[in-house]
Amino acid sequence: MGLQEKKLKICVSSGAKDLEGEIDVRFGRSEYFLIISVEKGKICNFEVVENLGSREDRGAGIKAAEQVGSLGVDLVITGDVGPKALDVLKQLDIDILKASGSIKKVIDNYLVADLGDSDKQKLFIPLMNNNGEESEVALHFGHAPYFGIYNLNNKELFIEENKLDHGDAQKSPVDQILEQANPSMVFAQDMGSRAISLFAEKNIVLKTGPYKNLKEIIDNIDNLEDLSSSCGH
Protein backbone atom coordinates (compact mmCIF):
# COMPACT_ATOMS: atom_id res chain seq x y z
CA MET A 1 0.00 0.00 0.00
CA GLY A 2 1.44 3.38 -1.00
CA LEU A 3 1.13 6.61 0.91
CA GLN A 4 -1.78 7.65 -1.29
CA GLU A 5 -3.88 4.90 0.33
CA LYS A 6 -2.75 4.94 3.96
CA LYS A 7 -2.46 7.20 6.99
CA LEU A 8 0.96 7.88 8.46
CA LYS A 9 2.15 9.52 11.67
CA ILE A 10 5.63 11.07 11.58
CA CYS A 11 7.67 12.30 14.54
CA VAL A 12 10.35 14.94 13.86
CA SER A 13 12.90 16.11 16.43
CA SER A 14 12.84 19.90 16.53
CA GLY A 15 13.90 22.97 18.46
CA ALA A 16 11.00 24.96 17.01
CA LYS A 17 7.22 24.63 17.15
CA ASP A 18 6.42 24.83 13.43
CA LEU A 19 7.12 23.04 10.16
CA GLU A 20 9.34 25.86 8.89
CA GLY A 21 11.97 25.09 11.53
CA GLU A 22 15.05 22.90 11.24
CA ILE A 23 15.34 19.25 12.21
CA ASP A 24 17.18 18.90 15.51
CA VAL A 25 20.18 16.62 14.97
CA ARG A 26 19.62 15.23 18.47
CA PHE A 27 16.84 12.77 19.13
CA GLY A 28 16.89 12.20 22.87
CA ARG A 29 17.81 15.79 23.76
CA SER A 30 15.69 17.70 21.26
CA GLU A 31 13.35 20.19 22.91
CA TYR A 32 10.24 19.22 20.97
CA PHE A 33 8.73 16.51 18.80
CA LEU A 34 6.48 17.56 15.95
CA ILE A 35 3.88 14.83 15.48
CA ILE A 36 2.75 15.14 11.87
CA SER A 37 -0.26 13.31 10.44
CA VAL A 38 -0.23 12.37 6.75
CA GLU A 39 -3.25 11.26 4.72
CA LYS A 40 -3.32 10.50 1.00
CA GLY A 41 0.30 11.55 0.65
CA LYS A 42 -0.21 15.02 2.18
CA ILE A 43 0.30 16.65 5.57
CA CYS A 44 -3.14 17.19 7.12
CA ASN A 45 -2.19 18.45 10.60
CA PHE A 46 0.49 18.42 13.27
CA GLU A 47 0.92 18.92 17.01
CA VAL A 48 3.87 19.97 19.14
CA VAL A 49 4.88 17.70 22.01
CA GLU A 50 7.56 18.44 24.58
CA ASN A 51 10.25 15.77 24.54
CA LEU A 52 10.21 14.17 27.99
CA GLY A 53 13.66 12.72 27.37
CA SER A 54 15.21 16.18 27.38
CA ARG A 55 14.47 16.41 31.12
CA GLU A 56 16.41 13.26 31.99
CA ASP A 57 19.94 13.29 33.40
CA ARG A 58 20.48 9.81 31.98
CA GLY A 59 18.63 7.64 29.49
CA ALA A 60 17.26 10.57 27.49
CA GLY A 61 17.15 8.57 24.25
CA ILE A 62 15.33 5.62 25.80
CA LYS A 63 12.76 7.90 27.47
CA ALA A 64 12.21 9.76 24.20
CA ALA A 65 11.83 6.52 22.22
CA GLU A 66 9.29 5.17 24.71
CA GLN A 67 7.33 8.43 24.51
CA VAL A 68 7.31 8.31 20.71
CA GLY A 69 6.08 4.72 20.86
CA SER A 70 3.19 5.72 23.13
CA LEU A 71 2.13 8.30 20.52
CA GLY A 72 1.58 5.66 17.84
CA VAL A 73 4.28 6.99 15.52
CA ASP A 74 5.20 5.12 12.30
CA LEU A 75 8.35 7.05 11.37
CA VAL A 76 10.95 9.13 13.23
CA ILE A 77 12.91 11.80 11.34
CA THR A 78 15.97 13.09 13.19
CA GLY A 79 19.66 13.78 12.76
CA ASP A 80 20.97 10.91 14.84
CA VAL A 81 19.78 8.22 17.25
CA GLY A 82 21.87 6.57 19.95
CA PRO A 83 22.17 2.77 20.03
CA LYS A 84 19.88 2.26 23.05
CA ALA A 85 17.14 4.48 21.66
CA LEU A 86 17.58 2.76 18.29
CA ASP A 87 16.95 -0.63 19.89
CA VAL A 88 13.75 0.64 21.51
CA LEU A 89 12.46 2.11 18.25
CA LYS A 90 13.22 -1.11 16.38
CA GLN A 91 11.38 -3.15 19.00
CA LEU A 92 8.40 -0.83 18.53
CA ASP A 93 8.64 -1.35 14.74
CA ILE A 94 9.16 2.38 14.13
CA ASP A 95 11.12 3.33 11.01
CA ILE A 96 13.94 5.89 11.24
CA LEU A 97 15.01 8.47 8.66
CA LYS A 98 18.21 10.40 9.35
CA ALA A 99 18.00 13.85 7.79
CA SER A 100 18.85 17.51 8.33
CA GLY A 101 17.56 20.88 7.19
CA SER A 102 14.03 22.23 6.81
CA ILE A 103 11.37 20.02 8.37
CA LYS A 104 8.80 20.84 5.69
CA LYS A 105 11.21 20.22 2.82
CA VAL A 106 12.45 16.88 4.14
CA ILE A 107 8.91 15.61 4.67
CA ASP A 108 7.76 16.83 1.25
CA ASN A 109 10.70 15.06 -0.38
CA TYR A 110 9.99 11.89 1.56
CA LEU A 111 6.35 11.88 0.49
CA VAL A 112 7.23 12.47 -3.18
CA ALA A 113 9.74 9.61 -3.10
CA ASP A 114 7.35 7.20 -1.38
CA LEU A 115 4.13 7.72 -3.34
CA GLY A 116 2.67 4.51 -4.72
CA ASP A 117 4.24 1.07 -4.99
CA SER A 118 4.53 0.14 -8.67
CA ASP A 119 7.48 -2.07 -9.66
CA LYS A 120 8.87 0.73 -11.84
CA GLN A 121 7.66 3.61 -9.71
CA LYS A 122 10.72 5.14 -8.06
CA LEU A 123 13.98 5.55 -9.93
CA PHE A 124 17.13 6.55 -8.02
CA ILE A 125 19.92 8.28 -10.00
CA PRO A 126 23.29 9.62 -8.75
CA LEU A 127 23.82 13.12 -10.14
CA MET A 128 26.59 15.68 -10.57
CA ASN A 129 24.36 18.76 -10.20
CA ASN A 130 20.85 19.99 -9.48
CA ASN A 131 19.53 21.14 -12.87
CA GLY A 132 16.19 19.37 -13.03
CA GLU A 133 15.88 16.90 -15.91
CA GLU A 134 19.08 18.30 -17.41
CA SER A 135 21.11 17.15 -14.37
CA GLU A 136 24.19 15.18 -15.36
CA VAL A 137 24.59 11.57 -14.30
CA ALA A 138 27.49 11.02 -11.89
CA LEU A 139 30.02 8.39 -12.92
CA HIS A 140 30.94 7.50 -9.33
CA PHE A 141 27.81 6.11 -7.72
CA GLY A 142 28.61 6.26 -3.99
CA HIS A 143 30.18 9.72 -3.96
CA ALA A 144 27.84 11.59 -6.31
CA PRO A 145 27.23 15.18 -5.08
CA TYR A 146 23.45 14.81 -5.56
CA PHE A 147 20.85 12.17 -6.10
CA GLY A 148 17.50 12.28 -7.86
CA ILE A 149 14.29 10.35 -7.29
CA TYR A 150 11.93 10.24 -10.27
CA ASN A 151 8.41 8.89 -9.81
CA LEU A 152 7.54 7.17 -13.08
CA ASN A 153 3.80 7.15 -12.42
CA ASN A 154 3.15 10.79 -11.62
CA LYS A 155 6.29 12.21 -13.33
CA GLU A 156 7.43 14.01 -10.19
CA LEU A 157 11.12 14.64 -9.56
CA PHE A 158 13.07 15.74 -6.54
CA ILE A 159 16.81 16.25 -6.23
CA GLU A 160 18.82 16.76 -3.07
CA GLU A 161 22.39 16.70 -1.82
CA ASN A 162 23.99 13.33 -1.21
CA LYS A 163 24.58 13.09 2.55
CA LEU A 164 25.45 9.40 2.79
CA ASP A 165 27.63 8.63 5.79
CA HIS A 166 30.30 6.23 4.55
CA GLY A 167 31.69 5.97 8.06
CA ASP A 168 28.46 4.62 9.58
CA ALA A 169 29.37 1.24 11.09
CA GLN A 170 25.73 0.21 11.50
CA LYS A 171 24.38 1.04 8.06
CA SER A 172 26.04 0.69 4.68
CA PRO A 173 25.51 3.44 2.06
CA VAL A 174 23.10 1.05 0.31
CA ASP A 175 21.03 0.64 3.49
CA GLN A 176 21.00 4.42 3.91
CA ILE A 177 19.76 4.90 0.34
CA LEU A 178 16.96 2.39 0.89
CA GLU A 179 15.97 4.04 4.16
CA GLN A 180 16.02 7.60 2.83
CA ALA A 181 14.73 7.17 -0.74
CA ASN A 182 13.03 3.75 -0.84
CA PRO A 183 13.62 3.25 -4.60
CA SER A 184 12.43 0.26 -6.59
CA MET A 185 15.01 0.82 -9.34
CA VAL A 186 18.53 2.28 -9.35
CA PHE A 187 20.44 3.65 -12.34
CA ALA A 188 24.24 3.76 -12.37
CA GLN A 189 26.96 3.97 -14.98
CA ASP A 190 29.03 1.63 -12.83
CA MET A 191 28.99 0.15 -9.35
CA GLY A 192 31.19 -1.92 -7.02
CA SER A 193 30.48 -5.62 -6.52
CA ARG A 194 29.57 -5.18 -2.84
CA ALA A 195 26.91 -2.58 -3.63
CA ILE A 196 25.52 -4.76 -6.44
CA SER A 197 25.19 -7.68 -4.02
CA LEU A 198 23.48 -5.56 -1.35
CA PHE A 199 20.94 -4.14 -3.79
CA ALA A 200 20.26 -7.64 -5.14
CA GLU A 201 19.59 -8.90 -1.60
CA LYS A 202 16.94 -6.18 -1.25
CA ASN A 203 15.36 -7.03 -4.64
CA ILE A 204 16.21 -3.61 -6.07
CA VAL A 205 16.46 -3.57 -9.87
CA LEU A 206 19.79 -2.20 -11.15
CA LYS A 207 19.91 -0.53 -14.56
CA THR A 208 22.53 1.18 -16.70
CA GLY A 209 22.99 2.67 -20.17
CA PRO A 210 24.98 5.23 -22.19
CA TYR A 211 22.94 8.20 -20.99
CA LYS A 212 24.50 11.44 -19.79
CA ASN A 213 21.63 13.24 -18.11
CA LEU A 214 18.38 12.54 -16.31
CA LYS A 215 16.17 13.44 -19.27
CA GLU A 216 17.90 10.88 -21.50
CA ILE A 217 17.32 8.20 -18.88
CA ILE A 218 13.63 9.07 -18.53
CA ASP A 219 13.14 9.16 -22.32
CA ASN A 220 14.79 5.73 -22.65
CA ILE A 221 13.36 4.08 -19.55
CA ASP A 222 12.26 0.97 -21.46
CA ASN A 223 15.67 0.60 -23.12
CA LEU A 224 17.80 0.54 -19.97
CA GLU A 225 20.17 -2.40 -19.63
CA ASP A 226 20.58 -4.61 -16.57
CA LEU A 227 23.61 -3.77 -14.44
CA SER A 228 25.06 -7.00 -13.12
CA SER A 229 28.85 -6.71 -13.43
CA SER A 230 31.15 -4.65 -11.22
CA CYS A 231 33.61 -1.94 -12.09
CA GLY A 232 35.97 -3.65 -9.65
CA HIS A 233 36.25 -1.00 -6.92
C-alpha atoms as a PDB file:
ATOM      1  CA  MET A   1       0.000   0.000   0.000  1.00  0.00           C
ATOM      2  CA  GLY A   2       1.439   3.375  -1.002  1.00  0.00           C
ATOM      3  CA  LEU A   3       1.128   6.610   0.912  1.00  0.00           C
ATOM      4  CA  GLN A   4      -1.782   7.645  -1.285  1.00  0.00           C
ATOM      5  CA  GLU A   5      -3.881   4.900   0.327  1.00  0.00           C
ATOM      6  CA  LYS A   6      -2.754   4.945   3.963  1.00  0.00           C
ATOM      7  CA  LYS A   7      -2.460   7.196   6.993  1.00  0.00           C
ATOM      8  CA  LEU A   8       0.960   7.882   8.465  1.00  0.00           C
ATOM      9  CA  LYS A   9       2.153   9.523  11.666  1.00  0.00           C
ATOM     10  CA  ILE A  10       5.626  11.068  11.584  1.00  0.00           C
ATOM     11  CA  CYS A  11       7.674  12.301  14.540  1.00  0.00           C
ATOM     12  CA  VAL A  12      10.346  14.942  13.856  1.00  0.00           C
ATOM     13  CA  SER A  13      12.898  16.115  16.432  1.00  0.00           C
ATOM     14  CA  SER A  14      12.839  19.904  16.526  1.00  0.00           C
ATOM     15  CA  GLY A  15      13.902  22.974  18.463  1.00  0.00           C
ATOM     16  CA  ALA A  16      11.005  24.958  17.013  1.00  0.00           C
ATOM     17  CA  LYS A  17       7.225  24.628  17.152  1.00  0.00           C
ATOM     18  CA  ASP A  18       6.420  24.828  13.433  1.00  0.00           C
ATOM     19  CA  LEU A  19       7.122  23.044  10.159  1.00  0.00           C
ATOM     20  CA  GLU A  20       9.343  25.860   8.893  1.00  0.00           C
ATOM     21  CA  GLY A  21      11.972  25.094  11.528  1.00  0.00           C
ATOM     22  CA  GLU A  22      15.049  22.905  11.242  1.00  0.00           C
ATOM     23  CA  ILE A  23      15.342  19.252  12.207  1.00  0.00           C
ATOM     24  CA  ASP A  24      17.183  18.902  15.513  1.00  0.00           C
ATOM     25  CA  VAL A  25      20.185  16.616  14.972  1.00  0.00           C
ATOM     26  CA  ARG A  26      19.618  15.234  18.472  1.00  0.00           C
ATOM     27  CA  PHE A  27      16.835  12.769  19.128  1.00  0.00           C
ATOM     28  CA  GLY A  28      16.885  12.204  22.873  1.00  0.00           C
ATOM     29  CA  ARG A  29      17.812  15.791  23.763  1.00  0.00           C
ATOM     30  CA  SER A  30      15.687  17.701  21.258  1.00  0.00           C
ATOM     31  CA  GLU A  31      13.350  20.191  22.914  1.00  0.00           C
ATOM     32  CA  TYR A  32      10.238  19.220  20.974  1.00  0.00           C
ATOM     33  CA  PHE A  33       8.732  16.512  18.803  1.00  0.00           C
ATOM     34  CA  LEU A  34       6.484  17.562  15.953  1.00  0.00           C
ATOM     35  CA  ILE A  35       3.880  14.831  15.479  1.00  0.00           C
ATOM     36  CA  ILE A  36       2.745  15.139  11.868  1.00  0.00           C
ATOM     37  CA  SER A  37      -0.261  13.313  10.440  1.00  0.00           C
ATOM     38  CA  VAL A  38      -0.232  12.373   6.752  1.00  0.00           C
ATOM     39  CA  GLU A  39      -3.249  11.259   4.721  1.00  0.00           C
ATOM     40  CA  LYS A  40      -3.325  10.503   1.003  1.00  0.00           C
ATOM     41  CA  GLY A  41       0.299  11.554   0.652  1.00  0.00           C
ATOM     42  CA  LYS A  42      -0.215  15.021   2.177  1.00  0.00           C
ATOM     43  CA  ILE A  43       0.299  16.653   5.575  1.00  0.00           C
ATOM     44  CA  CYS A  44      -3.141  17.188   7.118  1.00  0.00           C
ATOM     45  CA  ASN A  45      -2.194  18.446  10.596  1.00  0.00           C
ATOM     46  CA  PHE A  46       0.492  18.420  13.271  1.00  0.00           C
ATOM     47  CA  GLU A  47       0.916  18.918  17.005  1.00  0.00           C
ATOM     48  CA  VAL A  48       3.867  19.973  19.136  1.00  0.00           C
ATOM     49  CA  VAL A  49       4.881  17.700  22.010  1.00  0.00           C
ATOM     50  CA  GLU A  50       7.555  18.445  24.580  1.00  0.00           C
ATOM     51  CA  ASN A  51      10.248  15.770  24.538  1.00  0.00           C
ATOM     52  CA  LEU A  52      10.213  14.166  27.987  1.00  0.00           C
ATOM     53  CA  GLY A  53      13.659  12.717  27.374  1.00  0.00           C
ATOM     54  CA  SER A  54      15.210  16.179  27.382  1.00  0.00           C
ATOM     55  CA  ARG A  55      14.465  16.415  31.116  1.00  0.00           C
ATOM     56  CA  GLU A  56      16.410  13.259  31.986  1.00  0.00           C
ATOM     57  CA  ASP A  57      19.943  13.288  33.397  1.00  0.00           C
ATOM     58  CA  ARG A  58      20.484   9.806  31.977  1.00  0.00           C
ATOM     59  CA  GLY A  59      18.631   7.644  29.493  1.00  0.00           C
ATOM     60  CA  ALA A  60      17.257  10.569  27.491  1.00  0.00           C
ATOM     61  CA  GLY A  61      17.152   8.566  24.254  1.00  0.00           C
ATOM     62  CA  ILE A  62      15.329   5.623  25.804  1.00  0.00           C
ATOM     63  CA  LYS A  63      12.764   7.896  27.472  1.00  0.00           C
ATOM     64  CA  ALA A  64      12.208   9.765  24.196  1.00  0.00           C
ATOM     65  CA  ALA A  65      11.830   6.521  22.225  1.00  0.00           C
ATOM     66  CA  GLU A  66       9.287   5.174  24.709  1.00  0.00           C
ATOM     67  CA  GLN A  67       7.334   8.431  24.510  1.00  0.00           C
ATOM     68  CA  VAL A  68       7.313   8.313  20.713  1.00  0.00           C
ATOM     69  CA  GLY A  69       6.082   4.718  20.862  1.00  0.00           C
ATOM     70  CA  SER A  70       3.185   5.716  23.133  1.00  0.00           C
ATOM     71  CA  LEU A  71       2.132   8.302  20.523  1.00  0.00           C
ATOM     72  CA  GLY A  72       1.584   5.657  17.843  1.00  0.00           C
ATOM     73  CA  VAL A  73       4.278   6.988  15.518  1.00  0.00           C
ATOM     74  CA  ASP A  74       5.203   5.123  12.302  1.00  0.00           C
ATOM     75  CA  LEU A  75       8.352   7.047  11.367  1.00  0.00           C
ATOM     76  CA  VAL A  76      10.952   9.128  13.227  1.00  0.00           C
ATOM     77  CA  ILE A  77      12.908  11.796  11.339  1.00  0.00           C
ATOM     78  CA  THR A  78      15.971  13.093  13.191  1.00  0.00           C
ATOM     79  CA  GLY A  79      19.664  13.784  12.756  1.00  0.00           C
ATOM     80  CA  ASP A  80      20.971  10.907  14.838  1.00  0.00           C
ATOM     81  CA  VAL A  81      19.779   8.221  17.250  1.00  0.00           C
ATOM     82  CA  GLY A  82      21.873   6.570  19.955  1.00  0.00           C
ATOM     83  CA  PRO A  83      22.170   2.765  20.030  1.00  0.00           C
ATOM     84  CA  LYS A  84      19.880   2.262  23.050  1.00  0.00           C
ATOM     85  CA  ALA A  85      17.138   4.478  21.665  1.00  0.00           C
ATOM     86  CA  LEU A  86      17.584   2.764  18.286  1.00  0.00           C
ATOM     87  CA  ASP A  87      16.953  -0.629  19.892  1.00  0.00           C
ATOM     88  CA  VAL A  88      13.745   0.637  21.508  1.00  0.00           C
ATOM     89  CA  LEU A  89      12.462   2.111  18.247  1.00  0.00           C
ATOM     90  CA  LYS A  90      13.221  -1.109  16.380  1.00  0.00           C
ATOM     91  CA  GLN A  91      11.382  -3.145  19.004  1.00  0.00           C
ATOM     92  CA  LEU A  92       8.402  -0.834  18.528  1.00  0.00           C
ATOM     93  CA  ASP A  93       8.636  -1.350  14.739  1.00  0.00           C
ATOM     94  CA  ILE A  94       9.159   2.383  14.130  1.00  0.00           C
ATOM     95  CA  ASP A  95      11.115   3.334  11.012  1.00  0.00           C
ATOM     96  CA  ILE A  96      13.944   5.894  11.237  1.00  0.00           C
ATOM     97  CA  LEU A  97      15.012   8.465   8.663  1.00  0.00           C
ATOM     98  CA  LYS A  98      18.211  10.399   9.346  1.00  0.00           C
ATOM     99  CA  ALA A  99      17.996  13.849   7.795  1.00  0.00           C
ATOM    100  CA  SER A 100      18.853  17.509   8.333  1.00  0.00           C
ATOM    101  CA  GLY A 101      17.560  20.880   7.185  1.00  0.00           C
ATOM    102  CA  SER A 102      14.032  22.232   6.807  1.00  0.00           C
ATOM    103  CA  ILE A 103      11.373  20.015   8.373  1.00  0.00           C
ATOM    104  CA  LYS A 104       8.799  20.843   5.691  1.00  0.00           C
ATOM    105  CA  LYS A 105      11.212  20.221   2.816  1.00  0.00           C
ATOM    106  CA  VAL A 106      12.449  16.881   4.142  1.00  0.00           C
ATOM    107  CA  ILE A 107       8.913  15.608   4.669  1.00  0.00           C
ATOM    108  CA  ASP A 108       7.756  16.834   1.252  1.00  0.00           C
ATOM    109  CA  ASN A 109      10.703  15.062  -0.385  1.00  0.00           C
ATOM    110  CA  TYR A 110       9.988  11.888   1.564  1.00  0.00           C
ATOM    111  CA  LEU A 111       6.347  11.884   0.487  1.00  0.00           C
ATOM    112  CA  VAL A 112       7.230  12.474  -3.182  1.00  0.00           C
ATOM    113  CA  ALA A 113       9.735   9.610  -3.096  1.00  0.00           C
ATOM    114  CA  ASP A 114       7.347   7.196  -1.378  1.00  0.00           C
ATOM    115  CA  LEU A 115       4.127   7.718  -3.337  1.00  0.00           C
ATOM    116  CA  GLY A 116       2.672   4.514  -4.719  1.00  0.00           C
ATOM    117  CA  ASP A 117       4.238   1.070  -4.989  1.00  0.00           C
ATOM    118  CA  SER A 118       4.526   0.143  -8.672  1.00  0.00           C
ATOM    119  CA  ASP A 119       7.477  -2.069  -9.660  1.00  0.00           C
ATOM    120  CA  LYS A 120       8.872   0.734 -11.840  1.00  0.00           C
ATOM    121  CA  GLN A 121       7.662   3.609  -9.713  1.00  0.00           C
ATOM    122  CA  LYS A 122      10.715   5.142  -8.058  1.00  0.00           C
ATOM    123  CA  LEU A 123      13.979   5.546  -9.931  1.00  0.00           C
ATOM    124  CA  PHE A 124      17.135   6.546  -8.022  1.00  0.00           C
ATOM    125  CA  ILE A 125      19.919   8.283  -9.997  1.00  0.00           C
ATOM    126  CA  PRO A 126      23.288   9.617  -8.750  1.00  0.00           C
ATOM    127  CA  LEU A 127      23.819  13.125 -10.139  1.00  0.00           C
ATOM    128  CA  MET A 128      26.591  15.680 -10.570  1.00  0.00           C
ATOM    129  CA  ASN A 129      24.358  18.755 -10.196  1.00  0.00           C
ATOM    130  CA  ASN A 130      20.849  19.989  -9.478  1.00  0.00           C
ATOM    131  CA  ASN A 131      19.530  21.136 -12.874  1.00  0.00           C
ATOM    132  CA  GLY A 132      16.192  19.368 -13.034  1.00  0.00           C
ATOM    133  CA  GLU A 133      15.879  16.904 -15.913  1.00  0.00           C
ATOM    134  CA  GLU A 134      19.079  18.303 -17.412  1.00  0.00           C
ATOM    135  CA  SER A 135      21.111  17.151 -14.371  1.00  0.00           C
ATOM    136  CA  GLU A 136      24.193  15.181 -15.364  1.00  0.00           C
ATOM    137  CA  VAL A 137      24.588  11.570 -14.304  1.00  0.00           C
ATOM    138  CA  ALA A 138      27.494  11.015 -11.888  1.00  0.00           C
ATOM    139  CA  LEU A 139      30.015   8.389 -12.918  1.00  0.00           C
ATOM    140  CA  HIS A 140      30.940   7.495  -9.327  1.00  0.00           C
ATOM    141  CA  PHE A 141      27.811   6.105  -7.717  1.00  0.00           C
ATOM    142  CA  GLY A 142      28.612   6.258  -3.995  1.00  0.00           C
ATOM    143  CA  HIS A 143      30.177   9.721  -3.962  1.00  0.00           C
ATOM    144  CA  ALA A 144      27.838  11.594  -6.309  1.00  0.00           C
ATOM    145  CA  PRO A 145      27.226  15.185  -5.080  1.00  0.00           C
ATOM    146  CA  TYR A 146      23.450  14.814  -5.557  1.00  0.00           C
ATOM    147  CA  PHE A 147      20.853  12.166  -6.101  1.00  0.00           C
ATOM    148  CA  GLY A 148      17.502  12.275  -7.858  1.00  0.00           C
ATOM    149  CA  ILE A 149      14.286  10.349  -7.292  1.00  0.00           C
ATOM    150  CA  TYR A 150      11.930  10.238 -10.268  1.00  0.00           C
ATOM    151  CA  ASN A 151       8.409   8.892  -9.813  1.00  0.00           C
ATOM    152  CA  LEU A 152       7.541   7.175 -13.076  1.00  0.00           C
ATOM    153  CA  ASN A 153       3.800   7.151 -12.415  1.00  0.00           C
ATOM    154  CA  ASN A 154       3.149  10.789 -11.620  1.00  0.00           C
ATOM    155  CA  LYS A 155       6.287  12.205 -13.328  1.00  0.00           C
ATOM    156  CA  GLU A 156       7.426  14.009 -10.186  1.00  0.00           C
ATOM    157  CA  LEU A 157      11.119  14.636  -9.559  1.00  0.00           C
ATOM    158  CA  PHE A 158      13.074  15.745  -6.541  1.00  0.00           C
ATOM    159  CA  ILE A 159      16.812  16.249  -6.227  1.00  0.00           C
ATOM    160  CA  GLU A 160      18.821  16.755  -3.066  1.00  0.00           C
ATOM    161  CA  GLU A 161      22.389  16.696  -1.816  1.00  0.00           C
ATOM    162  CA  ASN A 162      23.989  13.329  -1.208  1.00  0.00           C
ATOM    163  CA  LYS A 163      24.576  13.092   2.555  1.00  0.00           C
ATOM    164  CA  LEU A 164      25.454   9.402   2.790  1.00  0.00           C
ATOM    165  CA  ASP A 165      27.628   8.633   5.788  1.00  0.00           C
ATOM    166  CA  HIS A 166      30.302   6.231   4.552  1.00  0.00           C
ATOM    167  CA  GLY A 167      31.692   5.971   8.065  1.00  0.00           C
ATOM    168  CA  ASP A 168      28.461   4.616   9.580  1.00  0.00           C
ATOM    169  CA  ALA A 169      29.373   1.244  11.088  1.00  0.00           C
ATOM    170  CA  GLN A 170      25.734   0.206  11.500  1.00  0.00           C
ATOM    171  CA  LYS A 171      24.384   1.038   8.061  1.00  0.00           C
ATOM    172  CA  SER A 172      26.042   0.691   4.679  1.00  0.00           C
ATOM    173  CA  PRO A 173      25.512   3.440   2.064  1.00  0.00           C
ATOM    174  CA  VAL A 174      23.104   1.051   0.311  1.00  0.00           C
ATOM    175  CA  ASP A 175      21.032   0.645   3.493  1.00  0.00           C
ATOM    176  CA  GLN A 176      20.998   4.422   3.915  1.00  0.00           C
ATOM    177  CA  ILE A 177      19.756   4.896   0.341  1.00  0.00           C
ATOM    178  CA  LEU A 178      16.958   2.388   0.886  1.00  0.00           C
ATOM    179  CA  GLU A 179      15.973   4.043   4.163  1.00  0.00           C
ATOM    180  CA  GLN A 180      16.017   7.596   2.826  1.00  0.00           C
ATOM    181  CA  ALA A 181      14.733   7.174  -0.736  1.00  0.00           C
ATOM    182  CA  ASN A 182      13.025   3.752  -0.840  1.00  0.00           C
ATOM    183  CA  PRO A 183      13.618   3.252  -4.600  1.00  0.00           C
ATOM    184  CA  SER A 184      12.428   0.260  -6.592  1.00  0.00           C
ATOM    185  CA  MET A 185      15.014   0.815  -9.340  1.00  0.00           C
ATOM    186  CA  VAL A 186      18.526   2.284  -9.348  1.00  0.00           C
ATOM    187  CA  PHE A 187      20.437   3.648 -12.344  1.00  0.00           C
ATOM    188  CA  ALA A 188      24.242   3.764 -12.366  1.00  0.00           C
ATOM    189  CA  GLN A 189      26.965   3.966 -14.979  1.00  0.00           C
ATOM    190  CA  ASP A 190      29.035   1.629 -12.831  1.00  0.00           C
ATOM    191  CA  MET A 191      28.990   0.146  -9.348  1.00  0.00           C
ATOM    192  CA  GLY A 192      31.186  -1.915  -7.024  1.00  0.00           C
ATOM    193  CA  SER A 193      30.480  -5.617  -6.521  1.00  0.00           C
ATOM    194  CA  ARG A 194      29.573  -5.177  -2.841  1.00  0.00           C
ATOM    195  CA  ALA A 195      26.907  -2.580  -3.629  1.00  0.00           C
ATOM    196  CA  ILE A 196      25.521  -4.758  -6.437  1.00  0.00           C
ATOM    197  CA  SER A 197      25.187  -7.679  -4.018  1.00  0.00           C
ATOM    198  CA  LEU A 198      23.484  -5.562  -1.348  1.00  0.00           C
ATOM    199  CA  PHE A 199      20.936  -4.137  -3.789  1.00  0.00           C
ATOM    200  CA  ALA A 200      20.258  -7.642  -5.135  1.00  0.00           C
ATOM    201  CA  GLU A 201      19.592  -8.898  -1.604  1.00  0.00           C
ATOM    202  CA  LYS A 202      16.941  -6.181  -1.249  1.00  0.00           C
ATOM    203  CA  ASN A 203      15.358  -7.033  -4.642  1.00  0.00           C
ATOM    204  CA  ILE A 204      16.205  -3.612  -6.075  1.00  0.00           C
ATOM    205  CA  VAL A 205      16.461  -3.569  -9.866  1.00  0.00           C
ATOM    206  CA  LEU A 206      19.790  -2.199 -11.150  1.00  0.00           C
ATOM    207  CA  LYS A 207      19.907  -0.525 -14.561  1.00  0.00           C
ATOM    208  CA  THR A 208      22.535   1.175 -16.704  1.00  0.00           C
ATOM    209  CA  GLY A 209      22.988   2.667 -20.168  1.00  0.00           C
ATOM    210  CA  PRO A 210      24.976   5.227 -22.195  1.00  0.00           C
ATOM    211  CA  TYR A 211      22.936   8.197 -20.991  1.00  0.00           C
ATOM    212  CA  LYS A 212      24.500  11.438 -19.794  1.00  0.00           C
ATOM    213  CA  ASN A 213      21.629  13.242 -18.109  1.00  0.00           C
ATOM    214  CA  LEU A 214      18.383  12.543 -16.315  1.00  0.00           C
ATOM    215  CA  LYS A 215      16.167  13.437 -19.270  1.00  0.00           C
ATOM    216  CA  GLU A 216      17.900  10.876 -21.497  1.00  0.00           C
ATOM    217  CA  ILE A 217      17.317   8.202 -18.876  1.00  0.00           C
ATOM    218  CA  ILE A 218      13.630   9.075 -18.527  1.00  0.00           C
ATOM    219  CA  ASP A 219      13.136   9.157 -22.318  1.00  0.00           C
ATOM    220  CA  ASN A 220      14.791   5.733 -22.652  1.00  0.00           C
ATOM    221  CA  ILE A 221      13.364   4.082 -19.546  1.00  0.00           C
ATOM    222  CA  ASP A 222      12.260   0.971 -21.457  1.00  0.00           C
ATOM    223  CA  ASN A 223      15.667   0.604 -23.117  1.00  0.00           C
ATOM    224  CA  LEU A 224      17.803   0.543 -19.965  1.00  0.00           C
ATOM    225  CA  GLU A 225      20.167  -2.398 -19.628  1.00  0.00           C
ATOM    226  CA  ASP A 226      20.581  -4.608 -16.574  1.00  0.00           C
ATOM    227  CA  LEU A 227      23.606  -3.771 -14.437  1.00  0.00           C
ATOM    228  CA  SER A 228      25.064  -6.996 -13.123  1.00  0.00           C
ATOM    229  CA  SER A 229      28.854  -6.709 -13.428  1.00  0.00           C
ATOM    230  CA  SER A 230      31.155  -4.652 -11.222  1.00  0.00           C
ATOM    231  CA  CYS A 231      33.608  -1.939 -12.091  1.00  0.00           C
ATOM    232  CA  GLY A 232      35.972  -3.649  -9.652  1.00  0.00           C
ATOM    233  CA  HIS A 233      36.250  -0.997  -6.916  1.00  0.00           C
END
